Amino acid sequence: NAATKILKDLEGFAKEKKVEFSFKVIYEPSPYKGIVNFSNSNSMDLIVIGSHGRSGIKKALLGSVASGVVEHANCPVLIIKKAL
């Protein structure tokens, strides 16, 4: 898919610059559970996750992956809000 291609391109760029980079595609029905389980299984020190910045009724109806990660993660979580 498009996201995997972007990450593979980024991996190649990082390798050229001698920067350690890796990614893993996680297939889990619940996105936040997949992220949290991966983090716990790999003893992550920090999770960095983007947020659309939804609030109120939109957040209640759509749920929030970032909120689920923050609530269940065993390590600190850094949320990057979508730029306006």
C-alpha atoms as a PDB file:
ATOM      1  CA  ASN A   1       0.000   0.000   0.000  1.00  0.00           C
ATOM      2  CA  ALA A   2       0.994   3.665  -0.189  1.00  0.00           C
ATOM      3  CA  ALA A   3       2.026   3.969   3.462  1.00  0.00           C
ATOM      4  CA  THR A   4       4.371   0.980   3.210  1.00  0.00           C
ATOM      5  CA  LYS A   5       5.992   2.456   0.096  1.00  0.00           C
ATOM      6  CA  ILE A   6       6.557   5.776   1.867  1.00  0.00           C
ATOM      7  CA  LEU A   7       8.121   3.987   4.836  1.00  0.00           C
ATOM      8  CA  LYS A   8      10.375   1.891   2.561  1.00  0.00           C
ATOM      9  CA  ASP A   9      11.526   5.086   0.824  1.00  0.00           C
ATOM     10  CA  LEU A  10      12.198   6.686   4.204  1.00  0.00           C
ATOM     11  CA  GLU A  11      14.118   3.590   5.293  1.00  0.00           C
ATOM     12  CA  GLY A  12      16.359   3.903   2.214  1.00  0.00           C
ATOM     13  CA  PHE A  13      16.939   7.598   2.868  1.00  0.00           C
ATOM     14  CA  ALA A  14      17.824   6.906   6.513  1.00  0.00           C
ATOM     15  CA  LYS A  15      20.260   4.169   5.469  1.00  0.00           C
ATOM     16  CA  GLU A  16      22.014   6.589   3.080  1.00  0.00           C
ATOM     17  CA  LYS A  17      22.416   9.037   5.982  1.00  0.00           C
ATOM     18  CA  LYS A  18      23.572   6.237   8.322  1.00  0.00           C
ATOM     19  CA  VAL A  19      20.557   6.732  10.592  1.00  0.00           C
ATOM     20  CA  GLU A  20      19.051   3.661  12.236  1.00  0.00           C
ATOM     21  CA  PHE A  21      15.472   3.197  11.072  1.00  0.00           C
ATOM     22  CA  SER A  22      13.039   0.323  10.982  1.00  0.00           C
ATOM     23  CA  PHE A  23       9.306  -0.166  10.691  1.00  0.00           C
ATOM     24  CA  LYS A  24       6.825  -2.965  11.086  1.00  0.00           C
ATOM     25  CA  VAL A  25       3.311  -3.234   9.704  1.00  0.00           C
ATOM     26  CA  ILE A  26       0.978  -4.509  12.422  1.00  0.00           C
ATOM     27  CA  TYR A  27      -2.316  -6.197  11.558  1.00  0.00           C
ATOM     28  CA  GLU A  28      -4.652  -5.916  14.544  1.00  0.00           C
ATOM     29  CA  PRO A  29      -8.421  -5.270  14.555  1.00  0.00           C
ATOM     30  CA  SER A  30      -7.926  -2.632  17.246  1.00  0.00           C
ATOM     31  CA  PRO A  31      -5.203  -0.176  16.153  1.00  0.00           C
ATOM     32  CA  TYR A  32      -4.395   1.080  19.649  1.00  0.00           C
ATOM     33  CA  LYS A  33      -4.124  -2.491  21.003  1.00  0.00           C
ATOM     34  CA  GLY A  34      -1.747  -3.415  18.180  1.00  0.00           C
ATOM     35  CA  ILE A  35       0.461  -0.422  18.947  1.00  0.00           C
ATOM     36  CA  VAL A  36       0.431  -1.053  22.706  1.00  0.00           C
ATOM     37  CA  ASN A  37       1.065  -4.806  22.327  1.00  0.00           C
ATOM     38  CA  PHE A  38       3.983  -4.168  19.952  1.00  0.00           C
ATOM     39  CA  SER A  39       5.425  -1.571  22.325  1.00  0.00           C
ATOM     40  CA  ASN A  40       5.157  -3.888  25.325  1.00  0.00           C
ATOM     41  CA  SER A  41       6.597  -6.875  23.444  1.00  0.00           C
ATOM     42  CA  ASN A  42       9.615  -4.858  22.308  1.00  0.00           C
ATOM     43  CA  SER A  43      10.280  -2.878  25.507  1.00  0.00           C
ATOM     44  CA  MET A  44       9.821   0.501  23.814  1.00  0.00           C
ATOM     45  CA  ASP A  45      10.938   3.594  25.714  1.00  0.00           C
ATOM     46  CA  LEU A  46       8.602   6.004  23.912  1.00  0.00           C
ATOM     47  CA  ILE A  47       5.645   5.902  21.531  1.00  0.00           C
ATOM     48  CA  VAL A  48       5.268   8.822  19.116  1.00  0.00           C
ATOM     49  CA  ILE A  49       1.818   9.030  17.531  1.00  0.00           C
ATOM     50  CA  GLY A  50      -0.059  11.558  15.437  1.00  0.00           C
ATOM     51  CA  SER A  51      -3.499  12.890  16.262  1.00  0.00           C
ATOM     52  CA  HIS A  52      -6.082  14.565  14.070  1.00  0.00           C
ATOM     53  CA  GLY A  53      -7.050  16.750  17.010  1.00  0.00           C
ATOM     54  CA  ARG A  54     -10.704  15.676  16.990  1.00  0.00           C
ATOM     55  CA  SER A  55     -12.706  16.638  20.004  1.00  0.00           C
ATOM     56  CA  GLY A  56     -16.229  16.525  21.335  1.00  0.00           C
ATOM     57  CA  ILE A  57     -18.810  14.518  19.413  1.00  0.00           C
ATOM     58  CA  LYS A  58     -16.425  13.524  16.585  1.00  0.00           C
ATOM     59  CA  LYS A  59     -14.035  11.956  19.091  1.00  0.00           C
ATOM     60  CA  ALA A  60     -16.879  10.181  20.882  1.00  0.00           C
ATOM     61  CA  LEU A  61     -18.278   8.745  17.643  1.00  0.00           C
ATOM     62  CA  LEU A  62     -15.004   7.894  15.927  1.00  0.00           C
ATOM     63  CA  GLY A  63     -12.928   6.902  18.929  1.00  0.00           C
ATOM     64  CA  SER A  64      -9.314   7.852  19.210  1.00  0.00           C
ATOM     65  CA  VAL A  65      -6.309   5.643  18.603  1.00  0.00           C
ATOM     66  CA  ALA A  66      -4.065   8.169  20.344  1.00  0.00           C
ATOM     67  CA  SER A  67      -6.326   8.220  23.417  1.00  0.00           C
ATOM     68  CA  GLY A  68      -6.334   4.422  23.591  1.00  0.00           C
ATOM     69  CA  VAL A  69      -2.551   4.305  23.321  1.00  0.00           C
ATOM     70  CA  VAL A  70      -2.123   6.935  26.044  1.00  0.00           C
ATOM     71  CA  GLU A  71      -4.534   5.104  28.328  1.00  0.00           C
ATOM     72  CA  HIS A  72      -2.997   1.633  27.924  1.00  0.00           C
ATOM     73  CA  ALA A  73       0.706   2.134  27.130  1.00  0.00           C
ATOM     74  CA  ASN A  74       3.375   1.152  29.652  1.00  0.00           C
ATOM     75  CA  CYS A  75       5.751   3.862  28.452  1.00  0.00           C
ATOM     76  CA  PRO A  76       5.502   7.601  27.757  1.00  0.00           C
ATOM     77  CA  VAL A  77       3.489   8.669  24.697  1.00  0.00           C
ATOM     78  CA  LEU A  78       4.240  11.784  22.646  1.00  0.00           C
ATOM     79  CA  ILE A  79       1.239  12.993  20.644  1.00  0.00           C
ATOM     80  CA  ILE A  80       1.918  15.149  17.592  1.00  0.00           C
ATOM     81  CA  LYS A  81      -1.136  17.229  16.686  1.00  0.00           C
ATOM     82  CA  LYS A  82      -2.001  17.738  13.034  1.00  0.00           C
ATOM     83  CA  ALA A  83      -0.869  21.154  11.815  1.00  0.00           C
ATOM     84  CA  LEU A  84      -3.620  23.530  10.761  1.00  0.00           C
END
